[in-house]
């Protein structure tokens, strides 16, 4: 596969790169999550996370990544609401509990924090399946009464969903860079996901698809058929119904590592089998 080119994805010219010199302010609020989305964000290859932060975005607030903490971090966040009103992007990670007792930030519920931050944001990006769909916090009996980010902000708020558990780092950065260079969200599909990254299923671009077409399937993860790279469909692979660019970006991910696609970018993936798919007969 060819190396992924992020410039082609966000349609950026060299001229645009040269004249864009103001970094995009970003406030990143975490709700009920495992910080996996931020961990993924830090591992982008092209462009690197370091290049992105130094040249394209200004990460003004993040509970995990901010140098400041406590009242200093919270005061700075409040100042950004005023200083960059209508200019900053709000990134949300994690399912949002409607029961305030489950997560408080500086004496306020995380739900209230997100609602306040979204009021004057240029756009809201839901990073990860938890903020996009409710994710693991909303799975099963949902004792925290968690919801996705769209459930608590006004319908007219510009929102893009970047699902995945975690999302692909280059997809996260590519979405931010599109806003930085074009001043608006990229084209979205009917589920509010950036179309450039979620327009095809994992199956259609899978490097194992030739084996699927020949009806050559691995019977277990550690037998000869798996070692030959046969299709993992009969082991529970959800690639045929999972929309994501895991295989099309030319970077090794789950299937290249020998594991099935779990459909982590799709709504309700955990309740539909998640990390424990049933073996097909």
Protein backbone atom coordinates (compact mmCIF):
# COMPACT_ATOMS: atom_id res chain seq x y z
CA UNK A 1 0.00 0.00 0.00
CA UNK A 2 1.11 3.58 -0.59
CA UNK A 3 1.88 5.90 2.30
CA UNK A 4 -1.11 7.98 3.43
CA UNK A 5 -0.95 11.64 2.31
CA UNK A 6 -2.89 13.91 4.65
CA UNK A 7 -2.47 16.95 2.35
CA UNK A 8 -4.49 15.21 -0.37
CA UNK A 9 -7.23 14.29 2.10
CA UNK A 10 -7.87 17.84 3.33
CA UNK A 11 -7.24 19.44 -0.08
CA UNK A 12 -4.54 21.88 1.01
CA UNK A 13 -2.30 23.75 -1.40
CA UNK A 14 1.25 24.83 -0.66
CA UNK A 15 0.09 28.44 -1.01
CA UNK A 16 -2.54 27.90 1.69
CA UNK A 17 0.07 26.35 3.96
CA UNK A 18 2.27 29.42 3.62
CA UNK A 19 -0.38 32.04 4.28
CA UNK A 20 -2.06 30.30 7.24
CA UNK A 21 -0.06 31.43 10.24
CA UNK A 22 -2.56 31.57 13.11
CA UNK A 23 -3.00 28.33 15.00
CA UNK A 24 -6.49 26.98 15.66
CA UNK A 25 -7.44 27.22 19.38
CA UNK A 26 -8.68 23.90 20.75
CA UNK A 27 -10.31 23.09 24.08
CA UNK A 28 -10.38 19.34 24.81
CA UNK A 29 -12.74 18.18 27.56
CA UNK A 30 -12.80 14.57 28.76
CA UNK A 31 -15.95 12.95 30.09
CA UNK A 32 -16.23 9.24 31.01
CA UNK A 33 -13.33 7.78 29.07
CA UNK A 34 -10.10 5.80 29.28
CA UNK A 35 -7.97 8.61 27.72
CA UNK A 36 -7.41 6.26 24.78
CA UNK A 37 -8.38 8.96 22.29
CA UNK A 38 -5.67 11.30 23.57
CA UNK A 39 -3.21 8.41 23.61
CA UNK A 40 -4.04 7.82 19.94
CA UNK A 41 -3.77 11.53 19.15
CA UNK A 42 -0.21 11.53 20.47
CA UNK A 43 0.78 8.77 18.05
CA UNK A 44 0.03 10.36 14.71
CA UNK A 45 2.64 9.57 12.07
CA UNK A 46 1.87 11.95 9.19
CA UNK A 47 1.68 14.70 10.23
CA UNK A 48 3.17 14.10 13.65
CA UNK A 49 1.34 15.32 16.72
CA UNK A 50 4.30 17.55 17.56
CA UNK A 51 4.19 19.29 14.17
CA UNK A 52 0.43 19.72 14.49
CA UNK A 53 0.62 21.38 17.91
CA UNK A 54 3.63 23.55 17.08
CA UNK A 55 2.38 24.79 13.71
CA UNK A 56 -1.36 24.29 13.24
CA UNK A 57 -3.38 24.04 16.45
CA UNK A 58 -3.06 25.60 19.88
CA UNK A 59 -4.19 23.07 22.49
CA UNK A 60 -5.38 25.55 25.10
CA UNK A 61 -6.91 23.09 27.55
CA UNK A 62 -6.76 19.37 28.23
CA UNK A 63 -7.00 17.68 31.62
CA UNK A 64 -4.33 15.17 30.55
CA UNK A 65 -2.02 17.20 28.33
CA UNK A 66 -2.09 20.71 29.83
CA UNK A 67 1.08 21.79 31.63
CA UNK A 68 -0.99 23.74 34.17
CA UNK A 69 -3.44 22.12 36.59
CA UNK A 70 -6.00 23.05 39.21
CA UNK A 71 -7.37 26.59 39.32
CA UNK A 72 -4.76 27.87 36.85
CA UNK A 73 -5.93 25.48 34.14
CA UNK A 74 -9.60 26.22 34.84
CA UNK A 75 -9.07 29.99 34.81
CA UNK A 76 -7.25 29.74 31.50
CA UNK A 77 -10.08 27.70 30.02
CA UNK A 78 -12.60 30.36 31.05
CA UNK A 79 -10.43 33.05 29.46
CA UNK A 80 -10.38 31.17 26.16
CA UNK A 81 -14.19 31.27 26.02
CA UNK A 82 -13.96 35.06 25.90
CA UNK A 83 -10.70 35.60 24.01
CA UNK A 84 -11.53 33.23 21.14
CA UNK A 85 -15.31 33.40 21.16
CA UNK A 86 -16.60 31.80 17.97
CA UNK A 87 -13.06 30.85 16.91
CA UNK A 88 -12.08 27.84 19.02
CA UNK A 89 -12.91 24.19 18.46
CA UNK A 90 -14.31 22.10 21.29
CA UNK A 91 -13.09 18.51 21.27
CA UNK A 92 -15.05 16.12 23.49
CA UNK A 93 -13.85 12.68 24.53
CA UNK A 94 -15.89 10.15 26.49
CA UNK A 95 -19.52 9.42 27.23
CA UNK A 96 -21.35 12.21 29.03
CA UNK A 97 -23.15 11.18 32.25
CA UNK A 98 -26.47 12.89 32.82
CA UNK A 99 -26.17 11.91 36.46
CA UNK A 100 -23.83 14.68 37.61
CA UNK A 101 -22.50 12.75 40.59
CA UNK A 102 -20.36 10.55 38.33
CA UNK A 103 -17.96 13.22 37.06
CA UNK A 104 -17.28 16.73 38.33
CA UNK A 105 -14.66 19.22 37.13
CA UNK A 106 -13.77 22.13 39.43
CA UNK A 107 -17.10 21.80 41.23
CA UNK A 108 -19.18 21.59 38.02
CA UNK A 109 -20.55 18.54 36.27
CA UNK A 110 -18.76 17.64 33.07
CA UNK A 111 -22.12 17.93 31.33
CA UNK A 112 -22.39 21.58 32.34
CA UNK A 113 -18.78 22.19 31.30
CA UNK A 114 -19.39 20.80 27.81
CA UNK A 115 -22.64 22.74 27.36
CA UNK A 116 -20.90 25.96 28.36
CA UNK A 117 -17.88 25.33 26.14
CA UNK A 118 -20.05 24.46 23.13
CA UNK A 119 -22.01 27.73 23.28
CA UNK A 120 -19.36 29.87 21.59
CA UNK A 121 -17.32 27.22 19.77
CA UNK A 122 -16.71 27.40 16.03
CA UNK A 123 -17.39 23.67 15.93
CA UNK A 124 -17.58 20.62 18.18
CA UNK A 125 -15.72 17.40 17.42
CA UNK A 126 -16.64 14.17 19.17
CA UNK A 127 -13.41 12.18 19.36
CA UNK A 128 -14.02 8.47 19.90
CA UNK A 129 -17.06 6.23 19.96
CA UNK A 130 -17.91 7.19 23.54
CA UNK A 131 -18.58 10.85 22.77
CA UNK A 132 -19.92 10.05 19.29
CA UNK A 133 -22.41 7.33 20.26
CA UNK A 134 -22.31 7.05 24.07
CA UNK A 135 -19.84 4.17 23.80
CA UNK A 136 -18.88 1.92 26.68
CA UNK A 137 -20.31 4.19 29.42
CA UNK A 138 -23.71 3.92 27.72
CA UNK A 139 -23.47 0.18 27.06
CA UNK A 140 -25.67 -2.40 28.71
CA UNK A 141 -27.74 -1.13 31.63
CA UNK A 142 -25.97 2.28 31.49
CA UNK A 143 -25.93 3.02 35.25
CA UNK A 144 -24.37 6.46 34.65
CA UNK A 145 -27.17 7.45 32.24
CA UNK A 146 -24.49 8.43 29.73
CA UNK A 147 -25.28 9.94 26.33
CA UNK A 148 -23.42 11.14 23.26
CA UNK A 149 -22.38 14.77 22.81
CA UNK A 150 -25.19 15.66 20.40
CA UNK A 151 -27.75 14.83 23.09
CA UNK A 152 -26.74 17.80 25.25
CA UNK A 153 -25.92 20.60 22.79
CA UNK A 154 -28.25 22.57 20.48
CA UNK A 155 -29.06 20.97 17.12
CA UNK A 156 -27.72 23.96 15.20
CA UNK A 157 -24.21 23.53 16.66
CA UNK A 158 -21.75 22.41 13.95
CA UNK A 159 -20.69 18.89 15.02
CA UNK A 160 -18.46 16.24 13.51
CA UNK A 161 -18.25 12.72 14.87
CA UNK A 162 -14.87 10.96 14.69
CA UNK A 163 -15.72 7.52 16.10
CA UNK A 164 -13.38 4.63 16.82
CA UNK A 165 -12.05 2.98 19.95
CA UNK A 166 -9.75 4.74 19.69
CA UNK A 167 -10.07 6.83 16.51
CA UNK A 168 -7.25 6.75 13.96
CA UNK A 169 -4.75 9.48 14.95
CA UNK A 170 -4.42 10.85 11.43
CA UNK A 171 -8.21 11.10 11.14
CA UNK A 172 -8.38 13.16 14.32
CA UNK A 173 -5.65 15.50 13.16
CA UNK A 174 -6.94 15.58 9.58
CA UNK A 175 -10.33 16.81 10.84
CA UNK A 176 -8.71 19.54 12.92
CA UNK A 177 -6.49 20.59 10.04
CA UNK A 178 -9.44 20.89 7.69
CA UNK A 179 -11.05 23.36 10.08
CA UNK A 180 -7.73 25.18 10.48
CA UNK A 181 -7.20 25.64 6.75
CA UNK A 182 -10.80 25.99 5.53
CA UNK A 183 -12.53 27.58 8.52
CA UNK A 184 -15.30 24.99 8.60
CA UNK A 185 -15.97 21.31 9.15
CA UNK A 186 -15.17 18.90 6.31
CA UNK A 187 -17.95 17.32 4.28
CA UNK A 188 -19.84 14.90 6.53
CA UNK A 189 -21.78 11.75 5.80
CA UNK A 190 -25.36 11.14 6.96
CA UNK A 191 -24.05 10.02 10.36
CA UNK A 192 -22.10 13.28 10.81
CA UNK A 193 -18.68 11.67 10.20
CA UNK A 194 -15.99 13.21 7.93
CA UNK A 195 -16.83 11.65 4.59
CA UNK A 196 -13.22 11.43 3.43
CA UNK A 197 -12.42 9.00 6.23
CA UNK A 198 -15.66 7.04 6.65
CA UNK A 199 -16.99 6.61 3.11
CA UNK A 200 -16.15 2.92 2.66
CA UNK A 201 -16.25 -0.17 4.82
CA UNK A 202 -13.09 -1.68 6.25
CA UNK A 203 -13.88 -4.81 4.24
CA UNK A 204 -13.83 -3.10 0.83
CA UNK A 205 -10.24 -1.91 1.24
CA UNK A 206 -8.95 -4.79 3.38
CA UNK A 207 -5.69 -6.34 2.29
CA UNK A 208 -7.23 -9.76 3.04
CA UNK A 209 -10.21 -9.21 0.72
CA UNK A 210 -8.67 -11.26 -2.15
CA UNK A 211 -8.85 -14.28 0.19
CA UNK A 212 -12.48 -13.45 1.01
CA UNK A 213 -13.29 -13.35 -2.71
CA UNK A 214 -11.71 -16.80 -3.08
CA UNK A 215 -13.61 -18.05 -0.01
CA UNK A 216 -10.38 -18.74 1.84
CA UNK A 217 -11.03 -18.17 5.55
CA UNK A 218 -8.85 -18.54 8.64
CA UNK A 219 -10.29 -21.14 11.02
CA UNK A 220 -8.48 -19.89 14.13
CA UNK A 221 -6.01 -17.19 15.06
CA UNK A 222 -3.03 -19.51 15.38
CA UNK A 223 -3.37 -22.14 12.67
CA UNK A 224 -1.80 -22.39 9.22
CA UNK A 225 -4.64 -20.54 7.51
CA UNK A 226 -4.13 -17.50 9.73
CA UNK A 227 -0.40 -17.56 9.10
CA UNK A 228 -1.10 -17.47 5.36
CA UNK A 229 -3.14 -14.29 5.86
CA UNK A 230 -6.55 -15.76 5.02
CA UNK A 231 -9.70 -13.70 5.58
CA UNK A 232 -10.84 -13.41 9.20
CA UNK A 233 -14.56 -13.20 8.44
CA UNK A 234 -15.42 -16.55 10.02
CA UNK A 235 -13.64 -15.51 13.23
CA UNK A 236 -16.15 -12.70 13.70
CA UNK A 237 -14.65 -9.87 11.64
CA UNK A 238 -17.09 -6.97 11.39
CA UNK A 239 -15.25 -5.26 8.56
CA UNK A 240 -18.14 -5.68 6.06
CA UNK A 241 -20.37 -3.40 8.14
CA UNK A 242 -17.82 -1.08 9.74
CA UNK A 243 -17.15 2.24 8.01
CA UNK A 244 -13.61 3.42 8.68
CA UNK A 245 -10.32 3.99 6.82
CA UNK A 246 -8.23 1.57 8.90
CA UNK A 247 -7.14 -0.41 5.85
CA UNK A 248 -7.19 2.31 3.19
CA UNK A 249 -4.62 4.60 4.79
CA UNK A 250 -1.69 2.30 4.20
CA UNK A 251 -0.80 1.87 7.89
CA UNK A 252 -0.85 -1.38 9.85
CA UNK A 253 -3.76 -1.66 12.27
CA UNK A 254 -5.95 -4.38 13.80
CA UNK A 255 -6.35 -6.69 10.80
CA UNK A 256 -2.67 -6.37 9.84
CA UNK A 257 -1.87 -7.44 13.40
CA UNK A 258 -3.89 -10.61 12.88
CA UNK A 259 -7.04 -9.63 14.76
CA UNK A 260 -10.56 -9.18 13.45
CA UNK A 261 -12.22 -5.81 12.96
CA UNK A 262 -14.53 -5.27 15.94
CA UNK A 263 -16.51 -2.48 14.28
CA UNK A 264 -15.43 0.02 16.94
CA UNK A 265 -16.39 2.99 14.78
CA UNK A 266 -20.04 1.93 14.64
CA UNK A 267 -22.81 2.85 17.04
CA UNK A 268 -23.40 0.32 19.82
CA UNK A 269 -20.38 -1.80 18.86
CA UNK A 270 -19.85 -2.98 22.43
CA UNK A 271 -23.38 -4.32 22.86
CA UNK A 272 -23.09 -6.00 19.44
CA UNK A 273 -20.10 -8.10 20.46
CA UNK A 274 -17.31 -5.60 20.92
CA UNK A 275 -14.02 -7.21 21.77
CA UNK A 276 -15.62 -10.62 22.24
CA UNK A 277 -17.12 -11.66 18.88
CA UNK A 278 -18.83 -15.00 18.62
CA UNK A 279 -17.15 -17.46 16.30
CA UNK A 280 -19.09 -17.96 13.09
CA UNK A 281 -20.15 -21.47 12.15
